[in-house]
Amino acid sequence: MLDRAYKAGGLMSYGADEAELWRRAALLVDRILKGAKPADLPIEQPTKFELVINLRTAKVLGLTIPQSLLLRADEIIQ
């Protein structure tokens, strides 16, 4: 989902790591297939988040992204 936002020119995104969500979902499906009742499974919230910054869009908008924010980013699109 994040890739689509950047192809459309998104500036920044901070959200749950989709790959991690799919891994967690696969573990829950595995437990269900092994006989666990869905109602007995815990409700989970994302624990891993990612920050992506698109410097191309920032340049087009005339914005300067602070170095401290760039250092925290998981991915920077040049």
PDB file of N, CA and C in Angstrom:
ATOM      1  N   MET A   1       0.815  -1.182   0.000  1.00  0.00           N
ATOM      2  CA  MET A   1       0.000   0.000   0.000  1.00  0.00           C
ATOM      3  C   MET A   1       0.867   1.258   0.000  1.00  0.00           C
ATOM      4  N   LEU A   2       1.953   1.227   0.734  1.00  0.00           N
ATOM      5  CA  LEU A   2       2.827   2.395   0.771  1.00  0.00           C
ATOM      6  C   LEU A   2       3.428   2.677  -0.589  1.00  0.00           C
ATOM      7  N   ASP A   3       3.756   1.625  -1.344  1.00  0.00           N
ATOM      8  CA  ASP A   3       4.340   1.827  -2.670  1.00  0.00           C
ATOM      9  C   ASP A   3       3.391   2.599  -3.572  1.00  0.00           C
ATOM     10  N   ARG A   4       2.104   2.298  -3.495  1.00  0.00           N
ATOM     11  CA  ARG A   4       1.124   2.986  -4.332  1.00  0.00           C
ATOM     12  C   ARG A   4       1.056   4.462  -3.990  1.00  0.00           C
ATOM     13  N   ALA A   5       1.167   4.793  -2.708  1.00  0.00           N
ATOM     14  CA  ALA A   5       1.098   6.195  -2.289  1.00  0.00           C
ATOM     15  C   ALA A   5       2.262   6.989  -2.875  1.00  0.00           C
ATOM     16  N   TYR A   6       3.429   6.377  -2.945  1.00  0.00           N
ATOM     17  CA  TYR A   6       4.595   7.100  -3.443  1.00  0.00           C
ATOM     18  C   TYR A   6       4.610   7.214  -4.951  1.00  0.00           C
ATOM     19  N   LYS A   7       4.035   6.253  -5.625  1.00  0.00           N
ATOM     20  CA  LYS A   7       3.926   6.371  -7.083  1.00  0.00           C
ATOM     21  C   LYS A   7       2.993   7.516  -7.438  1.00  0.00           C
ATOM     22  N   ALA A   8       2.051   7.812  -6.535  1.00  0.00           N
ATOM     23  CA  ALA A   8       1.118   8.913  -6.758  1.00  0.00           C
ATOM     24  C   ALA A   8       1.686  10.239  -6.252  1.00  0.00           C
ATOM     25  N   GLY A   9       2.883  10.222  -5.649  1.00  0.00           N
ATOM     26  CA  GLY A   9       3.531  11.453  -5.226  1.00  0.00           C
ATOM     27  C   GLY A   9       3.358  11.799  -3.762  1.00  0.00           C
ATOM     28  N   GLY A  10       3.050  10.828  -2.923  1.00  0.00           N
ATOM     29  CA  GLY A  10       2.896  11.084  -1.489  1.00  0.00           C
ATOM     30  C   GLY A  10       4.191  11.594  -0.878  1.00  0.00           C
ATOM     31  N   LEU A  11       4.095  12.469   0.108  1.00  0.00           N
ATOM     32  CA  LEU A  11       5.272  13.052   0.745  1.00  0.00           C
ATOM     33  C   LEU A  11       5.839  12.152   1.841  1.00  0.00           C
ATOM     34  N   MET A  12       4.987  11.751   2.778  1.00  0.00           N
ATOM     35  CA  MET A  12       5.435  10.916   3.894  1.00  0.00           C
ATOM     36  C   MET A  12       4.339   9.941   4.270  1.00  0.00           C
ATOM     37  N   SER A  13       4.766   8.854   4.882  1.00  0.00           N
ATOM     38  CA  SER A  13       3.804   7.897   5.405  1.00  0.00           C
ATOM     39  C   SER A  13       4.387   7.260   6.656  1.00  0.00           C
ATOM     40  N   TYR A  14       3.544   7.142   7.666  1.00  0.00           N
ATOM     41  CA  TYR A  14       3.918   6.445   8.891  1.00  0.00           C
ATOM     42  C   TYR A  14       2.792   5.479   9.189  1.00  0.00           C
ATOM     43  N   GLY A  15       3.092   4.198   9.138  1.00  0.00           N
ATOM     44  CA  GLY A  15       2.036   3.218   9.360  1.00  0.00           C
ATOM     45  C   GLY A  15       2.603   1.855   9.678  1.00  0.00           C
ATOM     46  N   ALA A  16       1.695   0.940   9.889  1.00  0.00           N
ATOM     47  CA  ALA A  16       2.077  -0.432  10.234  1.00  0.00           C
ATOM     48  C   ALA A  16       2.830  -1.074   9.073  1.00  0.00           C
ATOM     49  N   ASP A  17       3.813  -1.882   9.406  1.00  0.00           N
ATOM     50  CA  ASP A  17       4.588  -2.625   8.413  1.00  0.00           C
ATOM     51  C   ASP A  17       3.689  -3.724   7.853  1.00  0.00           C
ATOM     52  N   GLU A  18       3.319  -3.609   6.579  1.00  0.00           N
ATOM     53  CA  GLU A  18       2.369  -4.542   5.978  1.00  0.00           C
ATOM     54  C   GLU A  18       2.900  -5.966   5.936  1.00  0.00           C
ATOM     55  N   ALA A  19       4.174  -6.146   5.689  1.00  0.00           N
ATOM     56  CA  ALA A  19       4.744  -7.496   5.655  1.00  0.00           C
ATOM     57  C   ALA A  19       4.587  -8.174   7.018  1.00  0.00           C
ATOM     58  N   GLU A  20       4.794  -7.422   8.072  1.00  0.00           N
ATOM     59  CA  GLU A  20       4.636  -7.968   9.421  1.00  0.00           C
ATOM     60  C   GLU A  20       3.178  -8.329   9.693  1.00  0.00           C
ATOM     61  N   LEU A  21       2.239  -7.507   9.208  1.00  0.00           N
ATOM     62  CA  LEU A  21       0.819  -7.816   9.382  1.00  0.00           C
ATOM     63  C   LEU A  21       0.449  -9.123   8.692  1.00  0.00           C
ATOM     64  N   TRP A  22       0.971  -9.334   7.488  1.00  0.00           N
ATOM     65  CA  TRP A  22       0.681 -10.578   6.768  1.00  0.00           C
ATOM     66  C   TRP A  22       1.280 -11.782   7.480  1.00  0.00           C
ATOM     67  N   ARG A  23       2.491 -11.631   8.040  1.00  0.00           N
ATOM     68  CA  ARG A  23       3.101 -12.743   8.789  1.00  0.00           C
ATOM     69  C   ARG A  23       2.248 -13.111   9.997  1.00  0.00           C
ATOM     70  N   ARG A  24       1.790 -12.088  10.722  1.00  0.00           N
ATOM     71  CA  ARG A  24       0.946 -12.335  11.894  1.00  0.00           C
ATOM     72  C   ARG A  24      -0.373 -12.996  11.493  1.00  0.00           C
ATOM     73  N   ALA A  25      -0.950 -12.554  10.375  1.00  0.00           N
ATOM     74  CA  ALA A  25      -2.193 -13.147   9.888  1.00  0.00           C
ATOM     75  C   ALA A  25      -1.985 -14.617   9.540  1.00  0.00           C
ATOM     76  N   ALA A  26      -0.851 -14.932   8.925  1.00  0.00           N
ATOM     77  CA  ALA A  26      -0.559 -16.322   8.574  1.00  0.00           C
ATOM     78  C   ALA A  26      -0.461 -17.186   9.824  1.00  0.00           C
ATOM     79  N   LEU A  27       0.126 -16.655  10.894  1.00  0.00           N
ATOM     80  CA  LEU A  27       0.214 -17.420  12.138  1.00  0.00           C
ATOM     81  C   LEU A  27      -1.169 -17.678  12.733  1.00  0.00           C
ATOM     82  N   LEU A  28      -2.055 -16.695  12.638  1.00  0.00           N
ATOM     83  CA  LEU A  28      -3.414 -16.887  13.147  1.00  0.00           C
ATOM     84  C   LEU A  28      -4.174 -17.915  12.305  1.00  0.00           C
ATOM     85  N   VAL A  29      -4.023 -17.865  10.993  1.00  0.00           N
ATOM     86  CA  VAL A  29      -4.665 -18.849  10.119  1.00  0.00           C
ATOM     87  C   VAL A  29      -4.144 -20.242  10.446  1.00  0.00           C
ATOM     88  N   ASP A  30      -2.855 -20.365  10.678  1.00  0.00           N
ATOM     89  CA  ASP A  30      -2.260 -21.646  11.035  1.00  0.00           C
ATOM     90  C   ASP A  30      -2.896 -22.198  12.308  1.00  0.00           C
ATOM     91  N   ARG A  31      -3.080 -21.335  13.296  1.00  0.00           N
ATOM     92  CA  ARG A  31      -3.693 -21.784  14.548  1.00  0.00           C
ATOM     93  C   ARG A  31      -5.137 -22.227  14.339  1.00  0.00           C
ATOM     94  N   ILE A  32      -5.867 -21.515  13.483  1.00  0.00           N
ATOM     95  CA  ILE A  32      -7.257 -21.899  13.189  1.00  0.00           C
ATOM     96  C   ILE A  32      -7.303 -23.243  12.477  1.00  0.00           C
ATOM     97  N   LEU A  33      -6.402 -23.426  11.510  1.00  0.00           N
ATOM     98  CA  LEU A  33      -6.366 -24.690  10.775  1.00  0.00           C
ATOM     99  C   LEU A  33      -5.974 -25.865  11.673  1.00  0.00           C
ATOM    100  N   LYS A  34      -5.276 -25.574  12.754  1.00  0.00           N
ATOM    101  CA  LYS A  34      -4.892 -26.627  13.703  1.00  0.00           C
ATOM    102  C   LYS A  34      -5.956 -26.853  14.768  1.00  0.00           C
ATOM    103  N   GLY A  35      -7.107 -26.149  14.632  1.00  0.00           N
ATOM    104  CA  GLY A  35      -8.226 -26.431  15.519  1.00  0.00           C
ATOM    105  C   GLY A  35      -8.600 -25.350  16.515  1.00  0.00           C
ATOM    106  N   ALA A  36      -7.865 -24.261  16.570  1.00  0.00           N
ATOM    107  CA  ALA A  36      -8.207 -23.191  17.512  1.00  0.00           C
ATOM    108  C   ALA A  36      -9.495 -22.503  17.059  1.00  0.00           C
ATOM    109  N   LYS A  37     -10.294 -22.109  18.011  1.00  0.00           N
ATOM    110  CA  LYS A  37     -11.520 -21.382  17.689  1.00  0.00           C
ATOM    111  C   LYS A  37     -11.163 -19.906  17.476  1.00  0.00           C
ATOM    112  N   PRO A  38     -11.638 -19.305  16.389  1.00  0.00           N
ATOM    113  CA  PRO A  38     -11.322 -17.892  16.138  1.00  0.00           C
ATOM    114  C   PRO A  38     -11.688 -16.986  17.309  1.00  0.00           C
ATOM    115  N   ALA A  39     -12.755 -17.289  18.014  1.00  0.00           N
ATOM    116  CA  ALA A  39     -13.175 -16.456  19.142  1.00  0.00           C
ATOM    117  C   ALA A  39     -12.182 -16.517  20.305  1.00  0.00           C
ATOM    118  N   ASP A  40     -11.375 -17.570  20.354  1.00  0.00           N
ATOM    119  CA  ASP A  40     -10.398 -17.724  21.433  1.00  0.00           C
ATOM    120  C   ASP A  40      -9.059 -17.063  21.128  1.00  0.00           C
ATOM    121  N   LEU A  41      -8.873 -16.611  19.890  1.00  0.00           N
ATOM    122  CA  LEU A  41      -7.603 -15.991  19.517  1.00  0.00           C
ATOM    123  C   LEU A  41      -7.572 -14.543  20.005  1.00  0.00           C
ATOM    124  N   PRO A  42      -6.401 -14.080  20.410  1.00  0.00           N
ATOM    125  CA  PRO A  42      -6.314 -12.705  20.909  1.00  0.00           C
ATOM    126  C   PRO A  42      -6.449 -11.681  19.785  1.00  0.00           C
ATOM    127  N   ILE A  43      -6.963 -10.526  20.146  1.00  0.00           N
ATOM    128  CA  ILE A  43      -6.994  -9.409  19.207  1.00  0.00           C
ATOM    129  C   ILE A  43      -5.611  -8.778  19.248  1.00  0.00           C
ATOM    130  N   GLU A  44      -5.032  -8.591  18.092  1.00  0.00           N
ATOM    131  CA  GLU A  44      -3.672  -8.068  18.032  1.00  0.00           C
ATOM    132  C   GLU A  44      -3.651  -6.687  17.388  1.00  0.00           C
ATOM    133  N   GLN A  45      -2.718  -5.882  17.842  1.00  0.00           N
ATOM    134  CA  GLN A  45      -2.468  -4.587  17.235  1.00  0.00           C
ATOM    135  C   GLN A  45      -1.070  -4.604  16.631  1.00  0.00           C
ATOM    136  N   PRO A  46      -0.846  -3.805  15.609  1.00  0.00           N
ATOM    137  CA  PRO A  46       0.496  -3.767  15.017  1.00  0.00           C
ATOM    138  C   PRO A  46       1.538  -3.357  16.058  1.00  0.00           C
ATOM    139  N   THR A  47       2.710  -3.956  15.936  1.00  0.00           N
ATOM    140  CA  THR A  47       3.803  -3.625  16.845  1.00  0.00           C
ATOM    141  C   THR A  47       4.999  -3.038  16.104  1.00  0.00           C
ATOM    142  N   LYS A  48       5.001  -3.187  14.781  1.00  0.00           N
ATOM    143  CA  LYS A  48       6.114  -2.676  13.982  1.00  0.00           C
ATOM    144  C   LYS A  48       5.569  -1.643  13.001  1.00  0.00           C
ATOM    145  N   PHE A  49       6.146  -0.455  13.029  1.00  0.00           N
ATOM    146  CA  PHE A  49       5.716   0.636  12.159  1.00  0.00           C
ATOM    147  C   PHE A  49       6.889   1.093  11.307  1.00  0.00           C
ATOM    148  N   GLU A  50       6.571   1.722  10.192  1.00  0.00           N
ATOM    149  CA  GLU A  50       7.640   2.231   9.324  1.00  0.00           C
ATOM    150  C   GLU A  50       7.320   3.655   8.870  1.00  0.00           C
ATOM    151  N   LEU A  51       8.381   4.423   8.733  1.00  0.00           N
ATOM    152  CA  LEU A  51       8.288   5.803   8.254  1.00  0.00           C
ATOM    153  C   LEU A  51       8.993   5.874   6.912  1.00  0.00           C
ATOM    154  N   VAL A  52       8.271   6.344   5.902  1.00  0.00           N
ATOM    155  CA  VAL A  52       8.833   6.475   4.559  1.00  0.00           C
ATOM    156  C   VAL A  52       8.703   7.938   4.148  1.00  0.00           C
ATOM    157  N   ILE A  53       9.793   8.492   3.611  1.00  0.00           N
ATOM    158  CA  ILE A  53       9.816   9.891   3.186  1.00  0.00           C
ATOM    159  C   ILE A  53      10.201   9.939   1.716  1.00  0.00           C
ATOM    160  N   ASN A  54       9.449  10.717   0.955  1.00  0.00           N
ATOM    161  CA  ASN A  54       9.702  10.872  -0.471  1.00  0.00           C
ATOM    162  C   ASN A  54      10.368  12.232  -0.690  1.00  0.00           C
ATOM    163  N   LEU A  55      11.682  12.228  -0.925  1.00  0.00           N
ATOM    164  CA  LEU A  55      12.417  13.473  -1.115  1.00  0.00           C
ATOM    165  C   LEU A  55      12.124  14.132  -2.463  1.00  0.00           C
ATOM    166  N   ARG A  56      11.739  13.330  -3.453  1.00  0.00           N
ATOM    167  CA  ARG A  56      11.371  13.914  -4.748  1.00  0.00           C
ATOM    168  C   ARG A  56      10.172  14.841  -4.591  1.00  0.00           C
ATOM    169  N   THR A  57       9.163  14.362  -3.867  1.00  0.00           N
ATOM    170  CA  THR A  57       7.970  15.181  -3.647  1.00  0.00           C
ATOM    171  C   THR A  57       8.308  16.402  -2.802  1.00  0.00           C
ATOM    172  N   ALA A  58       9.155  16.229  -1.795  1.00  0.00           N
ATOM    173  CA  ALA A  58       9.556  17.358  -0.946  1.00  0.00           C
ATOM    174  C   ALA A  58      10.244  18.427  -1.794  1.00  0.00           C
ATOM    175  N   LYS A  59      11.085  17.999  -2.720  1.00  0.00           N
ATOM    176  CA  LYS A  59      11.795  18.955  -3.581  1.00  0.00           C
ATOM    177  C   LYS A  59      10.814  19.711  -4.474  1.00  0.00           C
ATOM    178  N   VAL A  60       9.847  18.990  -5.059  1.00  0.00           N
ATOM    179  CA  VAL A  60       8.848  19.626  -5.920  1.00  0.00           C
ATOM    180  C   VAL A  60       8.030  20.650  -5.135  1.00  0.00           C
ATOM    181  N   LEU A  61       7.725  20.338  -3.880  1.00  0.00           N
ATOM    182  CA  LEU A  61       6.949  21.251  -3.039  1.00  0.00           C
ATOM    183  C   LEU A  61       7.800  22.356  -2.416  1.00  0.00           C
ATOM    184  N   GLY A  62       9.114  22.280  -2.592  1.00  0.00           N
ATOM    185  CA  GLY A  62      10.009  23.288  -2.027  1.00  0.00           C
ATOM    186  C   GLY A  62      10.208  23.140  -0.530  1.00  0.00           C
ATOM    187  N   LEU A  63      10.087  21.906  -0.034  1.00  0.00           N
ATOM    188  CA  LEU A  63      10.229  21.640   1.404  1.00  0.00           C
ATOM    189  C   LEU A  63      11.601  21.073   1.720  1.00  0.00           C
ATOM    190  N   THR A  64      12.110  21.407   2.878  1.00  0.00           N
ATOM    191  CA  THR A  64      13.342  20.817   3.380  1.00  0.00           C
ATOM    192  C   THR A  64      12.976  19.928   4.566  1.00  0.00           C
ATOM    193  N   ILE A  65      13.309  18.668   4.456  1.00  0.00           N
ATOM    194  CA  ILE A  65      13.023  17.722   5.530  1.00  0.00           C
ATOM    195  C   ILE A  65      14.195  17.767   6.512  1.00  0.00           C
ATOM    196  N   PRO A  66      13.934  17.977   7.802  1.00  0.00           N
ATOM    197  CA  PRO A  66      15.019  18.036   8.783  1.00  0.00           C
ATOM    198  C   PRO A  66      15.831  16.735   8.824  1.00  0.00           C
ATOM    199  N   GLN A  67      17.114  16.884   9.022  1.00  0.00           N
ATOM    200  CA  GLN A  67      18.018  15.736   9.081  1.00  0.00           C
ATOM    201  C   GLN A  67      17.606  14.763  10.182  1.00  0.00           C
ATOM    202  N   SER A  68      17.125  15.278  11.301  1.00  0.00           N
ATOM    203  CA  SER A  68      16.721  14.401  12.407  1.00  0.00           C
ATOM    204  C   SER A  68      15.568  13.489  11.990  1.00  0.00           C
ATOM    205  N   LEU A  69      14.680  13.966  11.136  1.00  0.00           N
ATOM    206  CA  LEU A  69      13.571  13.147  10.651  1.00  0.00           C
ATOM    207  C   LEU A  69      14.066  12.133   9.624  1.00  0.00           C
ATOM    208  N   LEU A  70      14.988  12.553   8.769  1.00  0.00           N
ATOM    209  CA  LEU A  70      15.550  11.642   7.773  1.00  0.00           C
ATOM    210  C   LEU A  70      16.288  10.475   8.434  1.00  0.00           C
ATOM    211  N   LEU A  71      16.949  10.745   9.564  1.00  0.00           N
ATOM    212  CA  LEU A  71      17.669   9.687  10.262  1.00  0.00           C
ATOM    213  C   LEU A  71      16.731   8.651  10.864  1.00  0.00           C
ATOM    214  N   ARG A  72      15.520   9.062  11.182  1.00  0.00           N
ATOM    215  CA  ARG A  72      14.540   8.138  11.768  1.00  0.00           C
ATOM    216  C   ARG A  72      13.775   7.340  10.733  1.00  0.00           C
ATOM    217  N   ALA A  73      13.833   7.747   9.481  1.00  0.00           N
ATOM    218  CA  ALA A  73      13.054   7.088   8.413  1.00  0.00           C
ATOM    219  C   ALA A  73      13.559   5.682   8.151  1.00  0.00           C
ATOM    220  N   ASP A  74      12.617   4.779   7.904  1.00  0.00           N
ATOM    221  CA  ASP A  74      12.961   3.404   7.526  1.00  0.00           C
ATOM    222  C   ASP A  74      13.325   3.316   6.055  1.00  0.00           C
ATOM    223  N   GLU A  75      12.719   4.203   5.260  1.00  0.00           N
ATOM    224  CA  GLU A  75      12.996   4.214   3.824  1.00  0.00           C
ATOM    225  C   GLU A  75      12.924   5.664   3.343  1.00  0.00           C
ATOM    226  N   ILE A  76      13.855   6.028   2.473  1.00  0.00           N
ATOM    227  CA  ILE A  76      13.880   7.356   1.874  1.00  0.00           C
ATOM    228  C   ILE A  76      13.880   7.173   0.367  1.00  0.00           C
ATOM    229  N   ILE A  77      12.908   7.786  -0.288  1.00  0.00           N
ATOM    230  CA  ILE A  77      12.815   7.706  -1.745  1.00  0.00           C
ATOM    231  C   ILE A  77      13.519   8.920  -2.326  1.00  0.00           C
ATOM    232  N   GLN A  78      14.544   8.681  -3.109  1.00  0.00           N
ATOM    233  CA  GLN A  78      15.330   9.759  -3.706  1.00  0.00           C
ATOM    234  C   GLN A  78      14.624  10.197  -4.932  1.00  0.00           C
TER     235      GLN A  78
END
